[in-house]
Amino acid sequence: MKMKGAKQVHYDAGPNMTPLVDVVMVILIFLMLAGKFGADEQYLASSVPIRQKGTPVKNETVPNDVELKITVDPLGDRFVARLEGEENTFTDAKTLTDALSAKLEQFLSIGKKPEDIQVLISPGLTVKYDYMIQVYAAAGLAEAQSNGQTVKFTKVAFESAHD
């Protein structure tokens, strides 16, 4: 005695997923091989060589650059910036810009070229990123007059955090 009902049972398993999985895997592998890992984009990029420790970036040599170091520390809901070698402190971007402009004029008066002046911004361990942007902007806005032309700092870089 044959059972006809067993042959009529049909399980609907849905569409075949194998081609879909194959295509997704090919796309995934392609993106992994063609994509760029963004590890170096987590920090502000700077192509300025820093002479503090070790060799300069990309084995570049820095000929007699003058370093102007700005240390930045938190102070309540604002920052406090100090220019290396000076006792004055600055708690807002405007006064810091004025002080950096005066420092740039001082460097120009002794015959230094703007491209020979390297500004290093050194943050404290707990300095907010917003404060770093304000200090960086202040360094970018500082300007002085030389031979009838307005000059600015051309090399502004970040140093690793200090204690």
Protein backbone atom coordinates (compact mmCIF):
# COMPACT_ATOMS: atom_id res chain seq x y z
CA MET A 1 0.00 0.00 0.00
CA LYS A 2 1.46 3.26 -1.16
CA MET A 3 1.02 6.51 0.65
CA LYS A 4 0.15 9.27 -1.74
CA GLY A 5 0.08 11.99 0.94
CA ALA A 6 3.82 11.78 1.60
CA LYS A 7 4.65 12.77 -1.96
CA GLN A 8 2.31 15.71 -1.87
CA VAL A 9 3.92 17.31 1.19
CA HIS A 10 5.92 20.31 -0.01
CA TYR A 11 7.90 22.47 2.35
CA ASP A 12 8.19 26.09 1.27
CA ALA A 13 11.65 27.09 2.45
CA GLY A 14 11.62 30.51 0.74
CA PRO A 15 14.01 31.85 -1.88
CA ASN A 16 17.50 30.50 -2.27
CA MET A 17 19.77 32.75 -0.16
CA THR A 18 23.11 31.38 -1.39
CA PRO A 19 23.57 33.87 -4.29
CA LEU A 20 22.70 36.78 -2.00
CA VAL A 21 25.29 35.70 0.60
CA ASP A 22 27.89 35.28 -2.15
CA VAL A 23 27.32 38.78 -3.51
CA VAL A 24 27.40 40.36 -0.03
CA MET A 25 30.67 38.60 0.77
CA VAL A 26 32.26 39.78 -2.49
CA ILE A 27 31.18 43.38 -1.77
CA LEU A 28 32.47 43.15 1.81
CA ILE A 29 35.84 41.82 0.71
CA PHE A 30 36.10 44.51 -1.98
CA LEU A 31 35.35 47.29 0.51
CA MET A 32 37.86 45.90 3.01
CA LEU A 33 40.60 45.82 0.38
CA ALA A 34 39.78 49.15 -1.26
CA GLY A 35 38.90 51.13 1.84
CA LYS A 36 41.22 53.29 3.89
CA PHE A 37 41.41 52.76 7.61
CA GLY A 38 40.82 56.10 9.31
CA ALA A 39 43.19 55.70 12.26
CA ASP A 40 45.36 58.64 11.24
CA GLU A 41 42.34 60.95 10.89
CA GLN A 42 41.46 60.92 14.58
CA TYR A 43 43.89 63.76 15.30
CA LEU A 44 44.53 67.15 13.80
CA ALA A 45 46.90 66.61 10.93
CA SER A 46 50.09 68.62 10.83
CA SER A 47 52.95 68.32 8.38
CA VAL A 48 55.21 70.50 10.50
CA PRO A 49 58.26 68.69 11.82
CA ILE A 50 58.59 68.79 15.60
CA ARG A 51 62.07 68.80 17.10
CA GLN A 52 61.20 68.02 20.71
CA LYS A 53 62.05 64.32 20.75
CA GLY A 54 63.63 62.00 18.24
CA THR A 55 63.99 62.83 14.59
CA PRO A 56 61.70 65.24 12.75
CA VAL A 57 58.65 63.93 10.92
CA LYS A 58 59.45 62.39 7.50
CA ASN A 59 63.20 62.82 8.15
CA GLU A 60 62.98 66.52 7.38
CA THR A 61 65.58 68.83 8.81
CA VAL A 62 64.55 72.04 10.50
CA PRO A 63 67.20 74.75 10.00
CA ASN A 64 67.52 76.98 13.07
CA ASP A 65 63.81 77.31 13.69
CA VAL A 66 62.73 79.41 16.60
CA GLU A 67 60.23 77.59 18.75
CA LEU A 68 57.38 79.44 20.40
CA LYS A 69 55.75 77.01 22.82
CA ILE A 70 52.26 77.64 24.15
CA THR A 71 51.13 75.46 27.07
CA VAL A 72 47.39 75.19 27.53
CA ASP A 73 45.74 74.06 30.75
CA PRO A 74 42.12 74.03 31.91
CA LEU A 75 40.97 76.68 34.38
CA GLY A 76 37.38 76.05 35.44
CA ASP A 77 35.16 76.73 32.43
CA ARG A 78 37.95 78.30 30.36
CA PHE A 79 41.60 77.77 29.48
CA VAL A 80 44.83 79.33 30.64
CA ALA A 81 47.63 79.67 28.09
CA ARG A 82 51.27 80.49 28.81
CA LEU A 83 53.97 81.45 26.36
CA GLU A 84 57.24 79.73 27.19
CA GLY A 85 59.69 82.09 28.82
CA GLU A 86 57.04 84.61 29.85
CA GLU A 87 55.18 85.00 33.12
CA ASN A 88 51.91 86.36 31.70
CA THR A 89 48.96 84.02 31.35
CA PHE A 90 46.08 84.39 28.92
CA THR A 91 42.53 83.20 29.53
CA ASP A 92 40.84 84.26 26.30
CA ALA A 93 41.65 84.05 22.62
CA LYS A 94 41.70 87.84 21.99
CA THR A 95 44.44 88.64 24.52
CA LEU A 96 46.38 85.57 23.38
CA THR A 97 46.16 86.76 19.76
CA ASP A 98 47.46 90.19 20.79
CA ALA A 99 50.36 88.63 22.74
CA LEU A 100 51.24 86.34 19.82
CA SER A 101 51.16 89.32 17.45
CA ALA A 102 53.58 91.17 19.74
CA LYS A 103 55.81 88.08 19.89
CA LEU A 104 55.76 87.82 16.08
CA GLU A 105 56.78 91.50 15.82
CA GLN A 106 59.60 90.79 18.28
CA PHE A 107 60.87 87.88 16.17
CA LEU A 108 60.66 89.96 12.99
CA SER A 109 62.58 92.81 14.61
CA ILE A 110 65.56 90.52 15.27
CA GLY A 111 65.57 89.35 11.65
CA LYS A 112 63.68 86.06 11.86
CA LYS A 113 61.52 85.06 8.91
CA PRO A 114 57.95 83.87 9.58
CA GLU A 115 58.73 80.51 7.99
CA ASP A 116 61.54 80.01 10.53
CA ILE A 117 59.19 80.35 13.51
CA GLN A 118 57.54 77.17 14.71
CA VAL A 119 54.61 77.50 17.12
CA LEU A 120 54.05 74.44 19.30
CA ILE A 121 50.77 74.12 21.18
CA SER A 122 51.14 71.78 24.15
CA PRO A 123 47.87 70.87 25.90
CA GLY A 124 47.44 69.56 29.41
CA LEU A 125 45.99 66.10 29.88
CA THR A 126 42.46 67.33 30.63
CA VAL A 127 42.20 70.27 28.21
CA LYS A 128 38.96 70.34 26.23
CA TYR A 129 39.21 70.16 22.46
CA ASP A 130 37.28 73.43 22.18
CA TYR A 131 40.08 75.24 24.05
CA MET A 132 42.67 73.80 21.68
CA ILE A 133 40.70 75.15 18.73
CA GLN A 134 40.58 78.61 20.32
CA VAL A 135 44.35 78.62 20.90
CA TYR A 136 45.01 77.33 17.37
CA ALA A 137 42.73 80.05 15.96
CA ALA A 138 44.52 82.69 18.05
CA ALA A 139 47.86 81.58 16.59
CA GLY A 140 46.37 81.74 13.10
CA LEU A 141 44.98 85.24 13.63
CA ALA A 142 48.20 86.71 15.05
CA GLU A 143 49.82 89.04 12.54
CA ALA A 144 52.49 91.70 12.28
CA GLN A 145 53.71 94.20 9.69
CA SER A 146 57.02 93.62 7.93
CA ASN A 147 58.23 95.75 5.01
CA GLY A 148 54.70 97.03 4.42
CA GLN A 149 53.24 93.52 4.31
CA THR A 150 51.12 91.65 6.82
CA VAL A 151 52.79 88.41 7.92
CA LYS A 152 51.46 85.55 10.02
CA PHE A 153 52.81 82.39 11.61
CA THR A 154 53.21 79.72 8.94
CA LYS A 155 54.02 76.72 11.14
CA VAL A 156 51.61 75.84 13.93
CA ALA A 157 51.71 72.31 15.30
CA PHE A 158 50.46 70.31 18.27
CA GLU A 159 52.74 68.64 20.76
CA SER A 160 51.82 65.65 22.88
CA ALA A 161 49.99 66.40 26.12
CA HIS A 162 51.99 67.44 29.17
CA ASP A 163 51.31 66.58 32.80
